N, C-alpha and C. Protein backbone atom coordinates (compact mmCIF):
# COMPACT_ATOMS: atom_id res chain seq x y z
N UNK A 1 -0.76 35.98 -10.54
CA UNK A 1 -0.24 35.50 -9.82
C UNK A 1 -0.70 34.46 -9.19
N UNK A 2 0.04 33.04 -9.16
CA UNK A 2 -0.31 31.91 -8.72
C UNK A 2 0.00 31.68 -7.48
N UNK A 3 -1.38 30.65 -7.09
CA UNK A 3 -1.08 30.04 -5.76
C UNK A 3 0.02 29.24 -5.09
N UNK A 4 -0.36 29.23 -3.99
CA UNK A 4 0.88 28.46 -3.16
C UNK A 4 0.38 28.14 -2.41
N UNK A 5 -0.18 26.29 -1.94
CA UNK A 5 -1.31 26.43 -0.64
C UNK A 5 0.04 26.08 0.39
N UNK A 6 -0.68 26.72 1.29
CA UNK A 6 1.00 25.60 2.29
C UNK A 6 -0.58 24.55 3.42
N UNK A 7 0.39 23.51 3.03
CA UNK A 7 0.11 22.45 3.79
C UNK A 7 -0.13 22.59 5.28
N UNK A 8 -0.90 23.50 5.80
CA UNK A 8 -0.73 23.54 7.38
C UNK A 8 -2.69 23.66 7.32
N UNK A 9 -2.92 24.00 9.20
CA UNK A 9 -3.95 24.43 9.76
C UNK A 9 -3.70 25.79 10.05
N UNK A 10 -2.09 25.51 11.14
CA UNK A 10 -1.31 26.26 11.89
C UNK A 10 -1.19 27.66 11.40
N UNK A 11 -2.47 28.63 12.16
CA UNK A 11 -1.83 29.83 11.59
C UNK A 11 -0.94 30.67 12.07
N UNK A 12 -0.34 30.67 13.20
CA UNK A 12 1.40 30.77 13.24
C UNK A 12 2.05 30.25 11.89
N UNK A 13 1.76 29.31 11.98
CA UNK A 13 2.48 29.15 10.72
C UNK A 13 2.53 29.59 9.84
N UNK A 14 1.64 30.14 8.80
CA UNK A 14 0.91 30.79 8.26
C UNK A 14 1.53 32.38 7.93
N UNK A 15 1.19 33.01 9.16
CA UNK A 15 2.29 34.50 9.68
C UNK A 15 3.33 34.33 9.17
N UNK A 16 4.64 33.05 9.83
CA UNK A 16 5.76 32.99 9.65
C UNK A 16 6.42 33.08 7.85
N UNK A 17 4.94 31.82 7.32
CA UNK A 17 5.43 31.75 6.00
C UNK A 17 5.72 33.17 5.39
N UNK A 18 4.02 33.89 5.73
CA UNK A 18 3.89 35.01 5.02
C UNK A 18 5.13 36.36 5.13
N UNK A 19 6.40 36.02 6.29
CA UNK A 19 6.86 37.00 6.08
C UNK A 19 8.19 36.15 5.03
N UNK A 20 8.56 35.12 5.76
CA UNK A 20 9.69 34.16 5.01
C UNK A 20 9.43 34.46 3.45
N UNK A 21 8.26 34.33 3.23
CA UNK A 21 8.17 34.47 1.30
C UNK A 21 7.53 35.36 0.89
N UNK A 22 7.55 36.56 1.40
CA UNK A 22 7.41 37.51 1.06
C UNK A 22 8.02 38.16 0.00
N UNK A 23 9.38 37.93 -1.33
CA UNK A 23 9.94 38.03 -2.16
C UNK A 23 8.97 37.36 -3.19
N UNK A 24 8.67 36.32 -2.76
CA UNK A 24 7.83 35.91 -3.77
C UNK A 24 6.75 35.45 -3.88
N UNK A 25 6.61 35.39 -6.05
CA UNK A 25 5.55 36.43 -6.42
C UNK A 25 4.09 35.37 -6.15
N UNK A 26 3.35 35.27 -5.19
CA UNK A 26 2.57 34.34 -4.88
C UNK A 26 1.37 34.32 -4.15
N UNK A 27 0.49 34.47 -3.90
CA UNK A 27 -0.66 34.07 -3.42
C UNK A 27 -0.24 33.10 -2.42
N UNK A 28 -0.50 33.62 -0.82
CA UNK A 28 0.11 32.14 0.06
C UNK A 28 -1.38 31.76 0.62
N UNK A 29 -1.77 30.20 0.43
CA UNK A 29 -3.45 29.78 1.33
C UNK A 29 -2.74 28.82 1.99
N UNK A 30 -4.41 28.55 3.21
CA UNK A 30 -3.55 27.32 4.06
C UNK A 30 -4.29 26.13 2.95
N UNK A 31 -4.22 25.37 3.57
CA UNK A 31 -5.04 24.27 2.74
C UNK A 31 -6.45 24.11 3.20
N UNK A 32 -7.07 24.02 2.38
CA UNK A 32 -8.43 23.60 2.53
C UNK A 32 -9.62 23.10 4.12
N UNK A 33 -10.25 23.46 4.56
CA UNK A 33 -10.54 22.67 5.83
C UNK A 33 -10.95 21.33 6.09
N UNK A 34 -11.43 21.09 4.67
CA UNK A 34 -12.19 20.01 4.50
C UNK A 34 -10.94 18.67 4.19
N UNK A 35 -9.50 19.11 4.11
CA UNK A 35 -8.79 18.26 3.72
C UNK A 35 -7.71 17.59 5.08
N UNK A 36 -7.94 16.83 5.50
CA UNK A 36 -7.07 16.10 6.18
C UNK A 36 -6.06 15.34 5.63
N UNK A 37 -4.58 15.40 6.17
CA UNK A 37 -3.62 14.95 5.22
C UNK A 37 -3.07 14.13 6.94
N UNK A 38 -2.69 12.61 6.79
CA UNK A 38 -2.38 12.15 8.42
C UNK A 38 -0.73 12.18 7.91
N UNK A 39 -0.31 12.22 9.32
CA UNK A 39 1.32 12.43 9.26
C UNK A 39 1.51 11.02 9.46
N UNK A 40 1.53 9.74 9.16
CA UNK A 40 2.41 8.50 9.71
C UNK A 40 3.66 8.13 8.60
N UNK A 41 4.12 9.19 8.52
CA UNK A 41 5.67 8.88 7.71
C UNK A 41 6.52 7.89 9.08
N UNK A 42 7.48 7.95 8.91
CA UNK A 42 8.61 7.51 10.10
C UNK A 42 9.49 8.87 10.10
N UNK A 43 10.03 9.57 9.32
CA UNK A 43 11.20 10.80 8.96
C UNK A 43 9.75 12.09 8.80
N UNK A 44 11.01 13.24 9.10
CA UNK A 44 10.35 14.27 9.21
C UNK A 44 10.16 14.93 7.89
N UNK A 45 10.71 14.24 6.72
CA UNK A 45 10.98 14.43 5.15
C UNK A 45 9.41 13.51 4.55
N UNK A 46 9.06 12.10 4.99
CA UNK A 46 8.12 11.25 4.85
C UNK A 46 7.06 12.51 4.97
N UNK A 47 6.97 12.81 5.88
CA UNK A 47 5.45 13.92 6.36
C UNK A 47 5.63 14.85 5.39
N UNK A 48 6.48 15.73 5.46
CA UNK A 48 6.50 16.94 4.61
C UNK A 48 6.04 16.83 3.44
N UNK A 49 7.04 15.19 2.42
CA UNK A 49 6.69 15.19 1.36
C UNK A 49 5.03 14.52 1.03
N UNK A 50 4.37 14.25 2.11
CA UNK A 50 2.70 13.27 2.01
C UNK A 50 1.81 14.23 1.91
N UNK A 51 2.08 15.77 2.79
CA UNK A 51 1.33 16.33 2.86
C UNK A 51 1.37 17.51 1.61
N UNK A 52 2.93 17.82 1.34
CA UNK A 52 2.56 18.30 0.04
C UNK A 52 1.92 17.74 -0.85
N UNK A 53 2.28 16.97 -1.56
CA UNK A 53 2.06 16.18 -2.13
C UNK A 53 0.58 15.91 -2.68
N UNK A 54 -0.05 15.83 -1.60
CA UNK A 54 -1.87 15.22 -1.40
C UNK A 54 -2.52 16.86 -1.34
N UNK A 55 -2.04 17.69 -0.76
CA UNK A 55 -2.51 18.95 -0.98
C UNK A 55 -2.58 19.67 -2.24
N UNK A 56 -1.25 19.63 -2.81
CA UNK A 56 -0.77 20.10 -4.77
C UNK A 56 -2.11 19.00 -5.35
N UNK A 57 -2.32 17.43 -4.97
CA UNK A 57 -3.29 17.11 -6.48
C UNK A 57 -4.61 17.50 -6.30
N UNK A 58 -4.28 17.83 -4.59
CA UNK A 58 -6.63 17.88 -4.34
C UNK A 58 -6.64 19.25 -4.92
N UNK A 59 -5.49 20.41 -4.71
CA UNK A 59 -6.27 21.67 -5.27
C UNK A 59 -5.58 21.95 -6.80
N UNK A 60 -5.03 21.07 -7.08
CA UNK A 60 -4.47 21.33 -8.08
C UNK A 60 -4.25 22.78 -8.51
N UNK A 61 -3.06 22.51 -7.64
CA UNK A 61 -1.43 23.61 -7.46
C UNK A 61 -0.91 23.08 -6.81
N UNK A 62 0.58 24.33 -6.88
CA UNK A 62 1.66 23.89 -6.06
C UNK A 62 1.45 24.25 -4.54
N UNK A 63 2.26 23.05 -3.61
CA UNK A 63 1.94 23.13 -2.63
C UNK A 63 3.06 23.45 -1.93
N UNK A 64 3.30 23.62 -0.22
CA UNK A 64 4.97 23.90 0.38
C UNK A 64 4.11 23.28 1.72
N UNK A 65 4.90 21.97 2.47
CA UNK A 65 4.84 22.02 3.55
C UNK A 65 6.29 21.39 4.31
N UNK A 66 6.29 21.80 5.95
CA UNK A 66 7.19 21.06 6.60
C UNK A 66 6.86 20.47 7.32
N UNK A 67 7.51 19.45 7.51
CA UNK A 67 7.63 18.53 8.78
C UNK A 67 8.64 19.15 10.07
N UNK A 68 7.96 19.69 11.54
CA UNK A 68 9.42 20.10 12.16
C UNK A 68 8.69 19.60 13.56
N UNK A 69 9.89 19.81 13.86
CA UNK A 69 9.63 19.24 15.73
C UNK A 69 10.77 19.43 16.32
N UNK A 70 11.06 19.12 17.37
CA UNK A 70 11.98 19.52 18.90
C UNK A 70 12.54 18.26 19.34
N UNK A 71 13.86 17.62 18.69
CA UNK A 71 15.18 16.38 19.31
C UNK A 71 15.64 16.40 20.46
N UNK A 72 14.82 16.29 21.36
CA UNK A 72 15.90 16.32 22.66
C UNK A 72 17.10 15.66 22.87
N UNK A 73 17.88 15.52 23.35
CA UNK A 73 18.65 14.47 23.32
C UNK A 73 19.28 13.46 24.56
N UNK A 74 18.68 14.20 25.68
CA UNK A 74 18.22 13.27 26.99
C UNK A 74 17.02 12.82 26.62
N UNK A 75 16.14 12.94 25.98
CA UNK A 75 14.70 12.26 25.62
C UNK A 75 15.04 11.37 24.45
N UNK A 76 16.15 10.75 24.01
CA UNK A 76 16.73 9.80 22.70
C UNK A 76 16.14 10.53 21.51
N UNK A 77 15.50 11.79 21.30
CA UNK A 77 14.92 12.51 20.25
C UNK A 77 14.79 12.42 19.94
N UNK A 78 13.13 12.26 21.26
CA UNK A 78 11.49 12.69 21.26
C UNK A 78 11.72 14.12 21.29
N UNK A 79 10.33 14.84 21.30
CA UNK A 79 9.19 14.06 20.83
C UNK A 79 9.74 13.78 19.21
N UNK A 80 10.69 14.88 18.39
CA UNK A 80 10.78 14.43 17.35
C UNK A 80 10.06 14.34 16.26
N UNK A 81 9.53 13.63 15.08
CA UNK A 81 8.28 13.54 14.51
C UNK A 81 6.70 14.08 15.52
N UNK A 82 6.81 13.14 17.05
CA UNK A 82 5.81 13.58 17.35
C UNK A 82 5.34 15.35 18.71
N UNK A 83 6.53 15.86 17.77
CA UNK A 83 6.26 17.39 18.38
C UNK A 83 5.13 17.98 18.58
N UNK A 84 3.99 18.54 17.41
CA UNK A 84 2.64 17.81 17.40
C UNK A 84 1.46 17.68 17.94
N UNK A 85 2.33 16.14 18.91
CA UNK A 85 1.20 15.29 18.74
C UNK A 85 1.65 15.12 20.10
N UNK A 86 2.64 15.29 20.66
CA UNK A 86 3.08 15.13 22.18
C UNK A 86 2.11 15.19 23.30
N UNK A 87 1.03 16.17 23.27
CA UNK A 87 0.16 16.10 24.35
C UNK A 87 -0.85 16.93 23.30
N UNK A 88 -2.06 17.21 24.13
CA UNK A 88 -3.27 18.16 23.31
C UNK A 88 -2.85 18.93 22.99
N UNK A 89 -2.17 20.13 23.58
CA UNK A 89 -2.64 21.87 23.09
C UNK A 89 -0.90 21.96 23.54
N UNK A 90 -0.51 23.02 23.14
CA UNK A 90 1.17 23.70 23.35
C UNK A 90 1.23 23.56 24.99
N UNK A 91 0.57 24.23 26.09
CA UNK A 91 1.21 24.58 27.13
C UNK A 91 1.46 22.76 27.68
N UNK A 92 -0.31 21.90 27.22
CA UNK A 92 0.44 20.10 28.04
C UNK A 92 2.17 19.87 27.21
N UNK A 93 1.84 20.27 26.46
CA UNK A 93 3.42 19.92 25.67
C UNK A 93 4.35 20.42 26.17
N UNK A 94 4.51 21.64 26.14
CA UNK A 94 5.93 22.16 27.50
C UNK A 94 5.75 21.60 28.87
N UNK A 95 4.51 20.88 29.46
CA UNK A 95 4.32 21.04 30.63
C UNK A 95 5.47 19.28 30.80
N UNK A 96 4.83 18.76 29.97
CA UNK A 96 5.15 17.05 29.36
C UNK A 96 6.44 17.12 29.04
N UNK A 97 6.94 17.84 28.50
CA UNK A 97 8.88 17.46 28.44
C UNK A 97 9.39 18.04 29.44
N UNK A 98 8.72 19.73 30.10
CA UNK A 98 9.77 19.87 31.35
C UNK A 98 9.85 18.73 32.72
N UNK A 99 8.82 18.05 32.35
CA UNK A 99 8.12 16.56 33.57
C UNK A 99 9.35 16.27 32.77
N UNK A 100 9.50 15.86 31.95
CA UNK A 100 10.58 14.77 31.23
C UNK A 100 11.75 14.86 31.50
N UNK A 101 11.94 15.82 31.50
CA UNK A 101 13.40 16.34 32.12
C UNK A 101 14.07 17.20 32.71
N UNK A 102 12.70 16.71 33.85
CA UNK A 102 13.43 17.00 35.69
C UNK A 102 14.15 16.15 35.96
N UNK A 103 15.40 17.19 36.47
CA UNK A 103 16.53 16.71 37.24
C UNK A 103 17.57 16.18 36.40
N UNK A 104 17.48 16.59 35.04
CA UNK A 104 17.79 15.94 33.60
C UNK A 104 18.98 17.21 33.84
N UNK A 105 20.22 17.18 33.95
CA UNK A 105 21.75 18.00 32.95
C UNK A 105 21.30 18.55 32.01
N UNK A 106 21.21 17.33 30.88
CA UNK A 106 22.08 17.44 29.80
C UNK A 106 20.88 17.78 29.02
N UNK A 107 20.76 19.39 28.57
CA UNK A 107 18.71 19.57 28.07
C UNK A 107 19.38 20.15 26.25
N UNK A 108 20.36 19.18 25.83
CA UNK A 108 20.90 20.28 24.63
C UNK A 108 19.38 19.26 24.18
N UNK A 109 19.09 20.06 22.98
CA UNK A 109 18.16 19.85 21.98
C UNK A 109 18.38 20.60 20.34
N UNK A 110 17.46 20.10 19.57
CA UNK A 110 17.82 21.01 18.29
C UNK A 110 16.68 20.90 17.24
N UNK A 111 15.89 21.99 17.10
CA UNK A 111 14.93 21.73 15.67
C UNK A 111 15.75 21.30 14.60
N UNK A 112 14.56 20.91 13.65
CA UNK A 112 14.70 20.51 12.61
C UNK A 112 13.58 20.53 11.82
N UNK A 113 13.87 21.10 10.49
CA UNK A 113 12.43 21.50 9.42
C UNK A 113 12.99 20.86 8.40
N UNK A 114 12.36 19.77 7.83
CA UNK A 114 12.25 19.68 6.29
C UNK A 114 10.74 20.38 5.26
N UNK A 115 11.14 20.99 4.60
CA UNK A 115 10.06 21.36 3.79
C UNK A 115 10.35 20.99 2.22
N UNK A 116 8.92 21.01 1.64
CA UNK A 116 9.07 19.94 0.68
C UNK A 116 8.14 20.79 -0.46
N UNK A 117 8.16 21.15 -1.34
CA UNK A 117 6.89 21.71 -2.40
C UNK A 117 6.90 20.48 -3.86
N UNK A 118 5.57 21.20 -3.75
CA UNK A 118 4.95 19.79 -4.74
C UNK A 118 4.22 20.21 -6.18
N UNK A 119 4.46 20.16 -6.94
CA UNK A 119 3.73 20.75 -8.61
C UNK A 119 2.29 20.13 -8.33
N UNK A 120 1.77 21.33 -9.63
CA UNK A 120 0.23 20.55 -8.99
C UNK A 120 -0.59 18.89 -9.00
N UNK A 121 0.36 18.36 -9.80
CA UNK A 121 0.50 17.26 -9.74
C UNK A 121 0.83 15.82 -8.52
N UNK A 122 1.70 16.13 -7.77
CA UNK A 122 1.79 16.15 -6.45
C UNK A 122 3.51 15.49 -6.49
N UNK A 123 4.06 16.11 -7.99
CA UNK A 123 5.60 15.98 -7.84
C UNK A 123 6.34 16.98 -7.01
N UNK A 124 7.41 16.18 -6.56
CA UNK A 124 8.37 17.03 -5.07
C UNK A 124 9.35 17.80 -6.09
N UNK A 125 9.09 18.59 -6.49
CA UNK A 125 10.15 20.02 -7.29
C UNK A 125 11.16 20.55 -6.46
N UNK A 126 10.86 20.81 -5.27
CA UNK A 126 12.30 21.39 -3.72
C UNK A 126 12.15 20.60 -2.72
N UNK A 127 13.48 20.62 -2.58
CA UNK A 127 13.23 19.77 -0.70
C UNK A 127 14.42 21.22 0.01
N UNK A 128 14.35 20.83 1.28
CA UNK A 128 15.17 21.29 1.92
C UNK A 128 15.44 21.14 3.66
N UNK A 129 16.06 20.98 3.89
CA UNK A 129 16.43 20.81 5.61
C UNK A 129 17.48 21.61 6.27
N UNK A 130 17.07 21.95 6.98
CA UNK A 130 17.58 23.06 8.27
C UNK A 130 17.28 22.52 9.98
N UNK A 131 18.61 22.94 10.26
CA UNK A 131 18.07 22.27 12.08
C UNK A 131 18.74 24.19 12.87
N UNK A 132 18.65 24.35 13.71
CA UNK A 132 18.78 24.77 14.56
C UNK A 132 19.01 24.53 16.33
N UNK A 133 20.34 25.05 16.80
CA UNK A 133 20.73 24.03 17.86
C UNK A 133 20.34 24.98 19.32
N UNK A 134 19.89 24.23 20.22
CA UNK A 134 19.86 24.77 21.38
C UNK A 134 19.70 23.62 23.12
N UNK A 135 19.05 24.48 23.78
CA UNK A 135 18.39 23.80 24.78
C UNK A 135 17.23 24.11 25.55
N UNK A 136 16.86 23.03 26.68
CA UNK A 136 15.70 23.33 26.98
C UNK A 136 15.87 23.57 27.84
N UNK A 137 15.53 24.69 27.87
CA UNK A 137 15.47 26.00 29.66
C UNK A 137 14.68 24.86 30.44
N UNK A 138 14.59 25.73 31.78
CA UNK A 138 14.26 24.88 32.96
C UNK A 138 12.73 25.63 32.92
N UNK A 139 11.99 27.16 32.44
CA UNK A 139 10.88 27.05 32.75
C UNK A 139 10.40 27.99 31.19
N UNK A 140 8.90 28.55 31.37
CA UNK A 140 8.80 28.99 29.87
C UNK A 140 9.63 30.61 30.10
N UNK A 141 9.91 30.99 28.85
CA UNK A 141 10.94 32.40 28.83
C UNK A 141 10.11 33.40 27.47
N UNK A 142 9.44 34.33 27.60
CA UNK A 142 9.37 34.81 26.18
C UNK A 142 7.75 35.11 26.21
N UNK A 143 7.20 35.77 25.53
CA UNK A 143 5.52 35.64 24.59
C UNK A 143 5.17 35.70 23.83
N UNK A 144 6.35 35.54 22.67
CA UNK A 144 6.02 35.45 21.18
C UNK A 144 6.09 33.83 21.00
N UNK A 145 6.09 34.07 19.40
CA UNK A 145 6.32 32.03 19.23
C UNK A 145 4.81 31.64 19.03
N UNK A 146 5.19 29.96 18.67
CA UNK A 146 4.00 28.88 19.37
C UNK A 146 5.07 27.75 19.38
N UNK A 147 4.15 26.53 19.93
CA UNK A 147 4.78 25.28 20.21
C UNK A 147 6.06 25.35 21.09
N UNK A 148 7.04 24.79 20.83
CA UNK A 148 7.58 24.95 22.12
C UNK A 148 8.65 25.93 22.52
N UNK A 149 8.81 27.13 21.25
CA UNK A 149 9.74 28.42 21.35
C UNK A 149 9.60 29.10 22.88
N UNK A 150 9.04 28.56 23.98
CA UNK A 150 8.84 29.45 25.33
C UNK A 150 10.15 29.15 25.74
N UNK A 151 10.26 27.24 25.29
CA UNK A 151 11.44 26.38 26.47
C UNK A 151 12.54 27.07 25.88
N UNK A 152 12.73 26.67 24.28
CA UNK A 152 13.72 26.05 23.76
C UNK A 152 15.02 27.67 23.51
N UNK A 153 15.84 27.92 24.40
CA UNK A 153 16.88 28.78 24.58
C UNK A 153 18.02 28.55 22.92
N UNK A 154 18.27 29.42 22.10
CA UNK A 154 19.01 28.93 20.62
C UNK A 154 20.69 29.32 21.25
N UNK A 155 21.88 29.04 20.84
CA UNK A 155 22.35 28.05 21.16
C UNK A 155 23.36 29.61 21.38
N UNK A 156 23.31 30.82 19.91
CA UNK A 156 24.44 31.42 19.55
C UNK A 156 23.48 32.83 20.64
N UNK A 157 22.35 33.09 20.55
CA UNK A 157 21.59 34.53 20.73
C UNK A 157 21.75 34.42 22.54
N UNK A 158 21.65 33.09 23.17
CA UNK A 158 20.65 33.06 24.43
C UNK A 158 19.44 33.16 24.64
N UNK A 159 19.19 33.04 23.48
CA UNK A 159 17.09 33.82 23.27
C UNK A 159 16.36 32.49 23.29
N UNK A 160 15.25 32.63 23.50
CA UNK A 160 14.44 31.77 23.12
C UNK A 160 12.80 32.24 22.27
N UNK A 161 13.03 30.55 21.83
CA UNK A 161 12.18 31.45 20.63
C UNK A 161 11.28 32.84 20.30
N UNK A 162 10.55 32.71 21.50
CA UNK A 162 10.14 33.21 22.26
C UNK A 162 10.05 34.86 22.12
N UNK A 163 10.92 34.84 22.76
CA UNK A 163 11.68 36.19 23.33
C UNK A 163 12.71 36.88 22.01
N UNK A 164 12.75 36.44 20.66
CA UNK A 164 12.81 36.69 19.60
C UNK A 164 12.13 37.73 18.87
N UNK A 165 12.86 39.09 18.48
CA UNK A 165 11.66 39.25 16.95
C UNK A 165 12.10 38.29 16.23
N UNK A 166 10.86 38.75 15.30
CA UNK A 166 11.18 38.64 13.80
C UNK A 166 12.09 38.15 13.10
N UNK A 167 13.00 39.47 13.09
CA UNK A 167 13.84 39.48 12.15
C UNK A 167 15.15 37.94 13.02
N UNK A 168 15.40 38.19 14.34
CA UNK A 168 16.00 37.40 14.58
C UNK A 168 16.13 36.38 14.68
N UNK A 169 14.34 35.79 14.40
CA UNK A 169 13.85 34.85 14.57
C UNK A 169 14.27 33.81 12.93
N UNK A 170 13.66 34.55 12.44
CA UNK A 170 13.66 33.97 10.52
C UNK A 170 15.09 34.15 10.45
N UNK A 171 16.44 34.25 10.88
CA UNK A 171 17.53 34.35 10.61
C UNK A 171 18.33 33.46 10.99
N UNK A 172 17.77 32.53 12.84
CA UNK A 172 18.36 31.53 13.33
C UNK A 172 17.64 30.17 12.99
N UNK A 173 16.28 30.55 12.82
CA UNK A 173 15.36 29.35 13.34
C UNK A 173 15.55 28.08 11.95
N UNK A 174 15.36 26.97 12.38
CA UNK A 174 15.33 25.84 11.60
C UNK A 174 13.90 26.12 10.31
N UNK A 175 13.31 26.41 10.21
CA UNK A 175 12.31 27.08 9.21
C UNK A 175 13.10 28.23 8.24
N UNK A 176 13.27 29.31 9.52
CA UNK A 176 13.72 30.68 8.73
C UNK A 176 15.01 29.92 7.51
N UNK A 177 16.49 29.30 7.83
CA UNK A 177 17.38 28.41 7.47
C UNK A 177 17.14 27.38 6.01
N UNK A 178 15.49 26.65 6.58
CA UNK A 178 15.08 25.59 5.02
C UNK A 178 14.78 26.32 4.45
N UNK A 179 14.20 27.52 4.73
CA UNK A 179 12.85 28.41 3.44
C UNK A 179 14.57 29.31 2.90
N UNK A 180 14.66 29.92 3.35
CA UNK A 180 16.21 30.55 2.52
C UNK A 180 16.70 29.64 1.76
N UNK A 181 17.41 28.65 2.04
CA UNK A 181 17.89 27.76 1.00
C UNK A 181 16.90 27.72 -0.43
N UNK A 182 15.61 27.90 -0.42
CA UNK A 182 15.08 27.19 -1.65
C UNK A 182 14.30 28.33 -2.16
N UNK A 183 14.68 29.73 -1.79
CA UNK A 183 13.86 31.02 -1.77
C UNK A 183 13.97 31.24 -3.67
N UNK A 184 15.45 31.10 -3.95
CA UNK A 184 15.89 31.21 -5.19
C UNK A 184 14.51 30.29 -5.63
N UNK A 185 14.84 28.89 -6.16
CA UNK A 185 14.27 27.91 -7.01
C UNK A 185 12.73 28.83 -6.53
N UNK A 186 12.05 28.63 -5.74
CA UNK A 186 10.32 29.55 -5.78
C UNK A 186 10.59 30.52 -6.63
N UNK A 187 11.40 31.65 -6.17
CA UNK A 187 11.44 32.39 -7.66
C UNK A 187 11.41 32.31 -9.09
N UNK A 188 12.01 31.14 -9.69
CA UNK A 188 11.91 31.20 -10.89
C UNK A 188 10.56 30.15 -11.17
N UNK A 189 10.20 29.30 -10.08
CA UNK A 189 8.66 29.42 -10.55
C UNK A 189 7.60 29.96 -10.13
N UNK A 190 7.37 30.87 -9.31
CA UNK A 190 6.67 31.94 -9.26
C UNK A 190 7.35 33.50 -9.57
N UNK A 191 7.11 33.70 -10.59
CA UNK A 191 8.43 34.59 -11.12
C UNK A 191 7.28 35.52 -11.51
């Protein structure tokens, strides 16, 4: 079984990936603790490629990375690529967004995920991007998920990501949609 490194230190993300990639014959591992990758790209794609490429070269294994975030129309697309750095933790990030949207009627938003897989030499072999549309609600709802999940209400289900069970979230989330697009390619690499 080949290793596939997830270019992340986010435990919530690795649990999500393990479920979504359960049909792929690989050992999914978090990037080494000693490896630091600076996310200084100008787009989600730039950051995903940089993370996957650096982790694959340093581990001499395949690596998968995503850069994802929430883009809020009334905030001009913010926090966007800075979603995970918008404040020091999830609670403070949610508080900041809700404060910035106080009194704003248009709460349209979307999550985007750009996923990249690199070969052991750092070369990009697979790419995918997907979005999930909804609204930022007035106060958090639900106990699941991570990040902005409690304040993002997905448009077709009217549930926040934090209220969804895994099956529903995997079928409509940005990351779930982007990963589904590349499963056939991953099955060819990890047979």
